[in-house]
Amino acid sequence: MSFTIATWNINSVRLREALVLRLLREEAPDVLCLQECKSPVDKIPTEAFREMGYGWMVARGQKGYNGVAILSRLPLEDVGHRDFCGRGDARHVAARLENGVTIQNYYVPAGGDVPDRDVNEKFGHKLDFLTEMRDWFHGERPEKTILVGDLNIAPREDDVWSHKQLLKVVSHTPVEVDHLSEVLDSAGWRDITRADIPAGQLYSWWSYRARDWDAADRGRRLDHVWATPDIATAGHGSRILRHVRGWEKPSDHAPVFASFDL
């Protein structure tokens, strides 16, 4: 089967319900993974999504914070979640399609403003979260799995608008990049987006602080689509929908797409 998957930090699924519906209507991914839903599961507007043909949802939610959801027009089953760092945060959920592919949806902590765990507990939390991901994958050795989400790290020099200027800015510091690289290596994950688009500046996030985000173009690639080695070669058609960042009252993230032939 062939299917298209998208990942999008929506920054409140209820506030931006209309944007989700527009994306589903205009782009029609088979599976849409959302992060930062900021909603209890029972408050997610599932009826509107169901009317668009997305009759399956697996989600974990919190009031006002975090939250991850997988919407699908293909049948899927809930295969659980992991409470990383034992905080009870809704930052991970997993589901399995009928073809046996597991989809893992992540919202990695942003890490605050200061890249020093000794003075910034949020940064320490981020590093610990990534370390736990790495160790879990080492033990589980996942197969036939697609990992998506807002991983809150732009790892490559061309994943940010200025490598030199962002080396000490949270999301692109060497320690974060090293931690993410260890997660990537832990199960032999392949970065599908960069496999398809191997060179050139590529961003999925632009700050709300910029008066004209498009003209300034100070972006970062924080949102990712990975796959385990056994299915990585089936991935193709990667794209980032930059124009969605320009919709009315948008998220500061743009959706990232990839297709798989399995």
C-alpha atoms as a PDB file:
ATOM      1  CA  MET A   1       0.000   0.000   0.000  1.00  0.00           C
ATOM      2  CA  SER A   2       1.019   3.605  -0.508  1.00  0.00           C
ATOM      3  CA  PHE A   3       0.232   6.260   2.056  1.00  0.00           C
ATOM      4  CA  THR A   4       1.208   9.807   2.925  1.00  0.00           C
ATOM      5  CA  ILE A   5       2.027  10.923   6.437  1.00  0.00           C
ATOM      6  CA  ALA A   6       2.283  14.474   7.755  1.00  0.00           C
ATOM      7  CA  THR A   7       3.552  15.883  11.035  1.00  0.00           C
ATOM      8  CA  TRP A   8       2.590  19.322  12.353  1.00  0.00           C
ATOM      9  CA  ASN A   9       3.007  21.126  15.646  1.00  0.00           C
ATOM     10  CA  ILE A  10      -0.399  22.784  15.640  1.00  0.00           C
ATOM     11  CA  ASN A  11      -0.003  24.908  18.808  1.00  0.00           C
ATOM     12  CA  SER A  12      -3.564  24.232  20.032  1.00  0.00           C
ATOM     13  CA  VAL A  13      -5.781  21.912  18.048  1.00  0.00           C
ATOM     14  CA  ARG A  14      -8.959  23.607  19.235  1.00  0.00           C
ATOM     15  CA  LEU A  15      -7.762  27.128  18.514  1.00  0.00           C
ATOM     16  CA  ARG A  16      -6.595  26.037  15.055  1.00  0.00           C
ATOM     17  CA  GLU A  17      -9.244  23.458  14.213  1.00  0.00           C
ATOM     18  CA  ALA A  18     -10.067  25.351  11.011  1.00  0.00           C
ATOM     19  CA  LEU A  19      -6.438  25.151   9.887  1.00  0.00           C
ATOM     20  CA  VAL A  20      -6.316  21.410  10.485  1.00  0.00           C
ATOM     21  CA  LEU A  21      -9.513  20.982   8.471  1.00  0.00           C
ATOM     22  CA  ARG A  22      -8.087  23.122   5.677  1.00  0.00           C
ATOM     23  CA  LEU A  23      -4.930  21.027   5.535  1.00  0.00           C
ATOM     24  CA  LEU A  24      -6.955  17.820   5.470  1.00  0.00           C
ATOM     25  CA  ARG A  25      -9.159  19.197   2.721  1.00  0.00           C
ATOM     26  CA  GLU A  26      -6.391  20.635   0.543  1.00  0.00           C
ATOM     27  CA  GLU A  27      -3.601  18.089   1.033  1.00  0.00           C
ATOM     28  CA  ALA A  28      -5.445  14.952   2.233  1.00  0.00           C
ATOM     29  CA  PRO A  29      -2.631  13.096   3.986  1.00  0.00           C
ATOM     30  CA  ASP A  30      -3.626   9.563   4.951  1.00  0.00           C
ATOM     31  CA  VAL A  31      -2.186  10.119   8.425  1.00  0.00           C
ATOM     32  CA  LEU A  32      -1.713  13.427  10.220  1.00  0.00           C
ATOM     33  CA  CYS A  33       0.326  13.543  13.412  1.00  0.00           C
ATOM     34  CA  LEU A  34      -0.158  16.615  15.598  1.00  0.00           C
ATOM     35  CA  GLN A  35       1.887  17.917  18.498  1.00  0.00           C
ATOM     36  CA  GLU A  36       1.269  20.562  21.135  1.00  0.00           C
ATOM     37  CA  CYS A  37      -2.466  19.918  20.922  1.00  0.00           C
ATOM     38  CA  LYS A  38      -2.994  21.625  24.309  1.00  0.00           C
ATOM     39  CA  SER A  39      -6.221  19.748  24.913  1.00  0.00           C
ATOM     40  CA  PRO A  40      -7.617  16.829  26.862  1.00  0.00           C
ATOM     41  CA  VAL A  41      -8.408  14.012  24.447  1.00  0.00           C
ATOM     42  CA  ASP A  42     -12.166  14.341  24.971  1.00  0.00           C
ATOM     43  CA  LYS A  43     -12.039  17.994  23.906  1.00  0.00           C
ATOM     44  CA  ILE A  44     -10.274  17.382  20.586  1.00  0.00           C
ATOM     45  CA  PRO A  45     -12.784  18.173  17.782  1.00  0.00           C
ATOM     46  CA  THR A  46     -12.938  14.622  16.479  1.00  0.00           C
ATOM     47  CA  GLU A  47     -16.402  14.980  14.946  1.00  0.00           C
ATOM     48  CA  ALA A  48     -15.200  17.580  12.448  1.00  0.00           C
ATOM     49  CA  PHE A  49     -12.223  15.418  11.534  1.00  0.00           C
ATOM     50  CA  ARG A  50     -14.445  12.362  11.184  1.00  0.00           C
ATOM     51  CA  GLU A  51     -16.669  14.242   8.762  1.00  0.00           C
ATOM     52  CA  MET A  52     -13.560  14.835   6.644  1.00  0.00           C
ATOM     53  CA  GLY A  53     -12.974  11.091   6.485  1.00  0.00           C
ATOM     54  CA  TYR A  54     -10.524  10.788   9.375  1.00  0.00           C
ATOM     55  CA  GLY A  55     -12.399   8.229  11.412  1.00  0.00           C
ATOM     56  CA  TRP A  56      -9.512   6.968  13.510  1.00  0.00           C
ATOM     57  CA  MET A  57      -7.600   8.843  16.186  1.00  0.00           C
ATOM     58  CA  VAL A  58      -5.090   7.815  18.811  1.00  0.00           C
ATOM     59  CA  ALA A  59      -4.119  10.570  21.224  1.00  0.00           C
ATOM     60  CA  ARG A  60      -2.761  11.560  24.602  1.00  0.00           C
ATOM     61  CA  GLY A  61      -3.796  14.922  25.968  1.00  0.00           C
ATOM     62  CA  GLN A  62      -3.318  17.526  28.679  1.00  0.00           C
ATOM     63  CA  LYS A  63      -5.254  20.655  29.469  1.00  0.00           C
ATOM     64  CA  GLY A  64      -3.351  23.618  28.118  1.00  0.00           C
ATOM     65  CA  TYR A  65      -0.026  21.833  27.591  1.00  0.00           C
ATOM     66  CA  ASN A  66       1.722  19.313  25.371  1.00  0.00           C
ATOM     67  CA  GLY A  67      -0.563  16.718  23.771  1.00  0.00           C
ATOM     68  CA  VAL A  68      -0.043  14.453  20.753  1.00  0.00           C
ATOM     69  CA  ALA A  69      -2.559  12.965  18.340  1.00  0.00           C
ATOM     70  CA  ILE A  70      -2.553  10.717  15.286  1.00  0.00           C
ATOM     71  CA  LEU A  71      -5.485  11.255  12.906  1.00  0.00           C
ATOM     72  CA  SER A  72      -6.007   8.725  10.144  1.00  0.00           C
ATOM     73  CA  ARG A  73      -8.349   7.820   7.356  1.00  0.00           C
ATOM     74  CA  LEU A  74      -6.730   4.369   7.415  1.00  0.00           C
ATOM     75  CA  PRO A  75      -7.632   1.939  10.203  1.00  0.00           C
ATOM     76  CA  LEU A  76      -5.145   1.985  13.060  1.00  0.00           C
ATOM     77  CA  GLU A  77      -4.888   0.668  16.584  1.00  0.00           C
ATOM     78  CA  ASP A  78      -3.515   2.256  19.715  1.00  0.00           C
ATOM     79  CA  VAL A  79      -0.265   0.578  20.745  1.00  0.00           C
ATOM     80  CA  GLY A  80       0.435   2.696  23.780  1.00  0.00           C
ATOM     81  CA  HIS A  81       2.744   5.450  24.869  1.00  0.00           C
ATOM     82  CA  ARG A  82       5.774   5.991  27.041  1.00  0.00           C
ATOM     83  CA  ASP A  83       5.938   8.460  29.904  1.00  0.00           C
ATOM     84  CA  PHE A  84       9.420   9.823  29.259  1.00  0.00           C
ATOM     85  CA  CYS A  85      11.142  11.165  32.369  1.00  0.00           C
ATOM     86  CA  GLY A  86       8.167  10.025  34.467  1.00  0.00           C
ATOM     87  CA  ARG A  87       6.457  13.407  34.488  1.00  0.00           C
ATOM     88  CA  GLY A  88       3.067  12.367  33.189  1.00  0.00           C
ATOM     89  CA  ASP A  89       3.462  14.639  30.153  1.00  0.00           C
ATOM     90  CA  ALA A  90       1.528  13.839  26.990  1.00  0.00           C
ATOM     91  CA  ARG A  91       4.540  13.845  24.694  1.00  0.00           C
ATOM     92  CA  HIS A  92       4.374  10.455  22.986  1.00  0.00           C
ATOM     93  CA  VAL A  93       1.794   8.178  21.414  1.00  0.00           C
ATOM     94  CA  ALA A  94       2.042   5.226  19.044  1.00  0.00           C
ATOM     95  CA  ALA A  95      -0.362   3.529  16.659  1.00  0.00           C
ATOM     96  CA  ARG A  96      -0.183   0.661  14.189  1.00  0.00           C
ATOM     97  CA  LEU A  97      -1.627   0.542  10.693  1.00  0.00           C
ATOM     98  CA  GLU A  98      -3.159  -2.614   9.246  1.00  0.00           C
ATOM     99  CA  ASN A  99      -0.033  -3.197   7.145  1.00  0.00           C
ATOM    100  CA  GLY A 100       1.975  -3.571  10.360  1.00  0.00           C
ATOM    101  CA  VAL A 101       3.703  -0.184  10.243  1.00  0.00           C
ATOM    102  CA  THR A 102       3.987   1.482  13.641  1.00  0.00           C
ATOM    103  CA  ILE A 103       3.833   5.264  13.815  1.00  0.00           C
ATOM    104  CA  GLN A 104       5.453   6.973  16.783  1.00  0.00           C
ATOM    105  CA  ASN A 105       4.546  10.612  17.365  1.00  0.00           C
ATOM    106  CA  TYR A 106       6.809  12.736  19.607  1.00  0.00           C
ATOM    107  CA  TYR A 107       6.841  16.185  21.116  1.00  0.00           C
ATOM    108  CA  VAL A 108      10.318  16.657  22.589  1.00  0.00           C
ATOM    109  CA  PRO A 109      10.632  19.405  25.241  1.00  0.00           C
ATOM    110  CA  ALA A 110      11.717  22.767  23.857  1.00  0.00           C
ATOM    111  CA  GLY A 111      14.350  23.228  26.537  1.00  0.00           C
ATOM    112  CA  GLY A 112      13.864  26.830  27.642  1.00  0.00           C
ATOM    113  CA  ASP A 113      16.177  29.686  26.741  1.00  0.00           C
ATOM    114  CA  VAL A 114      19.521  28.921  28.417  1.00  0.00           C
ATOM    115  CA  PRO A 115      21.528  25.928  27.106  1.00  0.00           C
ATOM    116  CA  ASP A 116      22.914  24.952  30.501  1.00  0.00           C
ATOM    117  CA  ARG A 117      21.275  22.239  32.569  1.00  0.00           C
ATOM    118  CA  ASP A 118      22.913  23.518  35.760  1.00  0.00           C
ATOM    119  CA  VAL A 119      20.917  26.749  35.633  1.00  0.00           C
ATOM    120  CA  ASN A 120      17.996  25.746  33.420  1.00  0.00           C
ATOM    121  CA  GLU A 121      15.967  22.727  34.519  1.00  0.00           C
ATOM    122  CA  LYS A 122      14.055  22.747  31.230  1.00  0.00           C
ATOM    123  CA  PHE A 123      17.240  22.175  29.272  1.00  0.00           C
ATOM    124  CA  GLY A 124      18.186  19.284  31.538  1.00  0.00           C
ATOM    125  CA  HIS A 125      14.717  17.808  31.010  1.00  0.00           C
ATOM    126  CA  LYS A 126      15.197  17.988  27.242  1.00  0.00           C
ATOM    127  CA  LEU A 127      18.550  16.211  27.357  1.00  0.00           C
ATOM    128  CA  ASP A 128      17.198  13.551  29.720  1.00  0.00           C
ATOM    129  CA  PHE A 129      14.203  12.984  27.438  1.00  0.00           C
ATOM    130  CA  LEU A 130      16.509  12.407  24.464  1.00  0.00           C
ATOM    131  CA  THR A 131      18.743  10.097  26.473  1.00  0.00           C
ATOM    132  CA  GLU A 132      15.743   8.018  27.485  1.00  0.00           C
ATOM    133  CA  MET A 133      14.609   7.843  23.856  1.00  0.00           C
ATOM    134  CA  ARG A 134      18.065   6.609  22.878  1.00  0.00           C
ATOM    135  CA  ASP A 135      18.173   3.961  25.578  1.00  0.00           C
ATOM    136  CA  TRP A 136      14.646   2.772  24.829  1.00  0.00           C
ATOM    137  CA  PHE A 137      15.404   2.299  21.141  1.00  0.00           C
ATOM    138  CA  HIS A 138      18.643   0.490  21.979  1.00  0.00           C
ATOM    139  CA  GLY A 139      16.606  -1.981  23.985  1.00  0.00           C
ATOM    140  CA  GLU A 140      13.539  -2.264  21.769  1.00  0.00           C
ATOM    141  CA  ARG A 141      15.254  -2.186  18.364  1.00  0.00           C
ATOM    142  CA  PRO A 142      12.070  -1.098  16.569  1.00  0.00           C
ATOM    143  CA  GLU A 143      11.269  -2.406  13.107  1.00  0.00           C
ATOM    144  CA  LYS A 144       8.830  -1.275  10.421  1.00  0.00           C
ATOM    145  CA  THR A 145       8.410   2.009  12.252  1.00  0.00           C
ATOM    146  CA  ILE A 146       8.012   5.648  11.263  1.00  0.00           C
ATOM    147  CA  LEU A 147       8.944   8.247  13.860  1.00  0.00           C
ATOM    148  CA  VAL A 148       7.621  11.763  13.417  1.00  0.00           C
ATOM    149  CA  GLY A 149       7.191  14.865  15.469  1.00  0.00           C
ATOM    150  CA  ASP A 150       8.466  18.142  16.759  1.00  0.00           C
ATOM    151  CA  LEU A 151      11.859  17.063  18.037  1.00  0.00           C
ATOM    152  CA  ASN A 152      12.793  20.673  18.788  1.00  0.00           C
ATOM    153  CA  ILE A 153      16.301  20.317  17.354  1.00  0.00           C
ATOM    154  CA  ALA A 154      17.634  21.501  14.008  1.00  0.00           C
ATOM    155  CA  PRO A 155      20.653  19.211  13.633  1.00  0.00           C
ATOM    156  CA  ARG A 156      22.401  20.279  10.430  1.00  0.00           C
ATOM    157  CA  GLU A 157      24.105  23.536   9.530  1.00  0.00           C
ATOM    158  CA  ASP A 158      21.638  23.993   6.676  1.00  0.00           C
ATOM    159  CA  ASP A 159      18.692  23.283   9.003  1.00  0.00           C
ATOM    160  CA  VAL A 160      19.045  26.782  10.458  1.00  0.00           C
ATOM    161  CA  TRP A 161      19.274  30.266   8.984  1.00  0.00           C
ATOM    162  CA  SER A 162      22.707  30.862  10.527  1.00  0.00           C
ATOM    163  CA  HIS A 163      24.771  28.029  11.956  1.00  0.00           C
ATOM    164  CA  LYS A 164      27.348  30.372  13.474  1.00  0.00           C
ATOM    165  CA  GLN A 165      24.801  32.646  15.157  1.00  0.00           C
ATOM    166  CA  LEU A 166      22.721  29.793  16.571  1.00  0.00           C
ATOM    167  CA  LEU A 167      25.477  27.612  18.011  1.00  0.00           C
ATOM    168  CA  LYS A 168      24.647  28.897  21.503  1.00  0.00           C
ATOM    169  CA  VAL A 169      20.885  29.050  20.947  1.00  0.00           C
ATOM    170  CA  VAL A 170      18.679  26.252  22.273  1.00  0.00           C
ATOM    171  CA  SER A 171      17.642  23.891  19.427  1.00  0.00           C
ATOM    172  CA  HIS A 172      21.000  24.015  17.617  1.00  0.00           C
ATOM    173  CA  THR A 173      23.657  23.716  20.321  1.00  0.00           C
ATOM    174  CA  PRO A 174      26.286  20.999  19.870  1.00  0.00           C
ATOM    175  CA  VAL A 175      25.140  19.090  22.961  1.00  0.00           C
ATOM    176  CA  GLU A 176      21.567  18.902  21.651  1.00  0.00           C
ATOM    177  CA  VAL A 177      22.709  17.886  18.190  1.00  0.00           C
ATOM    178  CA  ASP A 178      24.916  15.180  19.719  1.00  0.00           C
ATOM    179  CA  HIS A 179      21.998  13.861  21.779  1.00  0.00           C
ATOM    180  CA  LEU A 180      19.724  13.762  18.742  1.00  0.00           C
ATOM    181  CA  SER A 181      22.426  12.024  16.716  1.00  0.00           C
ATOM    182  CA  GLU A 182      22.619   9.338  19.393  1.00  0.00           C
ATOM    183  CA  VAL A 183      18.848   8.858  19.179  1.00  0.00           C
ATOM    184  CA  LEU A 184      19.099   8.596  15.400  1.00  0.00           C
ATOM    185  CA  ASP A 185      21.879   6.023  15.632  1.00  0.00           C
ATOM    186  CA  SER A 186      20.216   3.991  18.383  1.00  0.00           C
ATOM    187  CA  ALA A 187      17.933   2.143  15.961  1.00  0.00           C
ATOM    188  CA  GLY A 188      19.576   3.078  12.694  1.00  0.00           C
ATOM    189  CA  TRP A 189      16.845   5.601  11.993  1.00  0.00           C
ATOM    190  CA  ARG A 190      16.963   7.326   8.612  1.00  0.00           C
ATOM    191  CA  ASP A 191      16.068  10.985   8.250  1.00  0.00           C
ATOM    192  CA  ILE A 192      13.586  10.674   5.388  1.00  0.00           C
ATOM    193  CA  THR A 193      13.281  14.405   4.772  1.00  0.00           C
ATOM    194  CA  ARG A 194      17.000  14.841   4.266  1.00  0.00           C
ATOM    195  CA  ALA A 195      17.271  11.605   2.296  1.00  0.00           C
ATOM    196  CA  ASP A 196      14.839  13.162  -0.187  1.00  0.00           C
ATOM    197  CA  ILE A 197      16.170  16.727   0.062  1.00  0.00           C
ATOM    198  CA  PRO A 198      19.863  16.199   0.814  1.00  0.00           C
ATOM    199  CA  ALA A 199      21.150  19.738   0.342  1.00  0.00           C
ATOM    200  CA  GLY A 200      20.094  23.315   0.871  1.00  0.00           C
ATOM    201  CA  GLN A 201      18.473  25.398   3.582  1.00  0.00           C
ATOM    202  CA  LEU A 202      15.336  23.724   4.887  1.00  0.00           C
ATOM    203  CA  TYR A 203      13.082  25.009   7.672  1.00  0.00           C
ATOM    204  CA  SER A 204       9.807  24.003   9.325  1.00  0.00           C
ATOM    205  CA  TRP A 205       9.578  26.681  12.040  1.00  0.00           C
ATOM    206  CA  TRP A 206       9.671  30.475  12.023  1.00  0.00           C
ATOM    207  CA  SER A 207       9.319  32.528  15.201  1.00  0.00           C
ATOM    208  CA  TYR A 208       6.240  34.583  15.933  1.00  0.00           C
ATOM    209  CA  ARG A 209       8.608  37.351  17.045  1.00  0.00           C
ATOM    210  CA  ALA A 210       9.603  38.277  13.488  1.00  0.00           C
ATOM    211  CA  ARG A 211       7.547  41.151  12.123  1.00  0.00           C
ATOM    212  CA  ASP A 212       7.716  39.570   8.658  1.00  0.00           C
ATOM    213  CA  TRP A 213       8.703  35.940   9.121  1.00  0.00           C
ATOM    214  CA  ASP A 214       8.716  35.229   5.383  1.00  0.00           C
ATOM    215  CA  ALA A 215      11.008  38.106   4.439  1.00  0.00           C
ATOM    216  CA  ALA A 216      13.333  37.567   7.399  1.00  0.00           C
ATOM    217  CA  ASP A 217      13.343  33.802   6.791  1.00  0.00           C
ATOM    218  CA  ARG A 218      15.131  33.030  10.034  1.00  0.00           C
ATOM    219  CA  GLY A 219      13.868  29.477  10.196  1.00  0.00           C
ATOM    220  CA  ARG A 220      14.872  26.167  11.728  1.00  0.00           C
ATOM    221  CA  ARG A 221      14.026  22.570  10.803  1.00  0.00           C
ATOM    222  CA  LEU A 222      12.605  21.320  14.097  1.00  0.00           C
ATOM    223  CA  ASP A 223      10.049  18.832  12.714  1.00  0.00           C
ATOM    224  CA  HIS A 224      11.161  15.446  11.467  1.00  0.00           C
ATOM    225  CA  VAL A 225      10.143  12.253   9.699  1.00  0.00           C
ATOM    226  CA  TRP A 226      12.355   9.228  10.353  1.00  0.00           C
ATOM    227  CA  ALA A 227      12.028   5.543   9.475  1.00  0.00           C
ATOM    228  CA  THR A 228      13.714   2.332  10.541  1.00  0.00           C
ATOM    229  CA  PRO A 229      16.187   0.882   8.004  1.00  0.00           C
ATOM    230  CA  ASP A 230      13.855  -1.937   6.902  1.00  0.00           C
ATOM    231  CA  ILE A 231      11.366   0.534   5.402  1.00  0.00           C
ATOM    232  CA  ALA A 232      13.485   3.649   4.852  1.00  0.00           C
ATOM    233  CA  THR A 233      13.930   3.033   1.125  1.00  0.00           C
ATOM    234  CA  ALA A 234      10.136   3.048   0.747  1.00  0.00           C
ATOM    235  CA  GLY A 235      10.016   6.691   1.817  1.00  0.00           C
ATOM    236  CA  HIS A 236       9.846   9.427  -0.801  1.00  0.00           C
ATOM    237  CA  GLY A 237       8.118  12.656  -1.785  1.00  0.00           C
ATOM    238  CA  SER A 238       9.205  14.678   1.213  1.00  0.00           C
ATOM    239  CA  ARG A 239       8.091  18.296   1.355  1.00  0.00           C
ATOM    240  CA  ILE A 240       7.562  21.094   3.852  1.00  0.00           C
ATOM    241  CA  LEU A 241       4.466  23.216   3.305  1.00  0.00           C
ATOM    242  CA  ARG A 242       6.039  26.593   3.973  1.00  0.00           C
ATOM    243  CA  HIS A 243       2.974  28.475   2.730  1.00  0.00           C
ATOM    244  CA  VAL A 244       0.884  27.077   5.605  1.00  0.00           C
ATOM    245  CA  ARG A 245       2.959  29.216   7.993  1.00  0.00           C
ATOM    246  CA  GLY A 246       1.370  32.170   6.217  1.00  0.00           C
ATOM    247  CA  TRP A 247      -2.242  31.164   6.827  1.00  0.00           C
ATOM    248  CA  GLU A 248      -4.353  33.373   9.067  1.00  0.00           C
ATOM    249  CA  LYS A 249      -3.550  32.954  12.781  1.00  0.00           C
ATOM    250  CA  PRO A 250      -1.092  30.148  12.043  1.00  0.00           C
ATOM    251  CA  SER A 251       1.020  27.834  14.095  1.00  0.00           C
ATOM    252  CA  ASP A 252       4.673  28.855  14.048  1.00  0.00           C
ATOM    253  CA  HIS A 253       5.415  25.445  12.506  1.00  0.00           C
ATOM    254  CA  ALA A 254       4.736  24.237   8.968  1.00  0.00           C
ATOM    255  CA  PRO A 255       3.594  20.680   8.192  1.00  0.00           C
ATOM    256  CA  VAL A 256       6.182  18.172   6.992  1.00  0.00           C
ATOM    257  CA  PHE A 257       5.066  15.457   4.560  1.00  0.00           C
ATOM    258  CA  ALA A 258       6.448  12.159   3.286  1.00  0.00           C
ATOM    259  CA  SER A 259       5.006   9.215   1.365  1.00  0.00           C
ATOM    260  CA  PHE A 260       5.727   5.513   1.773  1.00  0.00           C
ATOM    261  CA  ASP A 261       5.177   2.610  -0.608  1.00  0.00           C
ATOM    262  CA  LEU A 262       4.842  -0.523   1.503  1.00  0.00           C
END
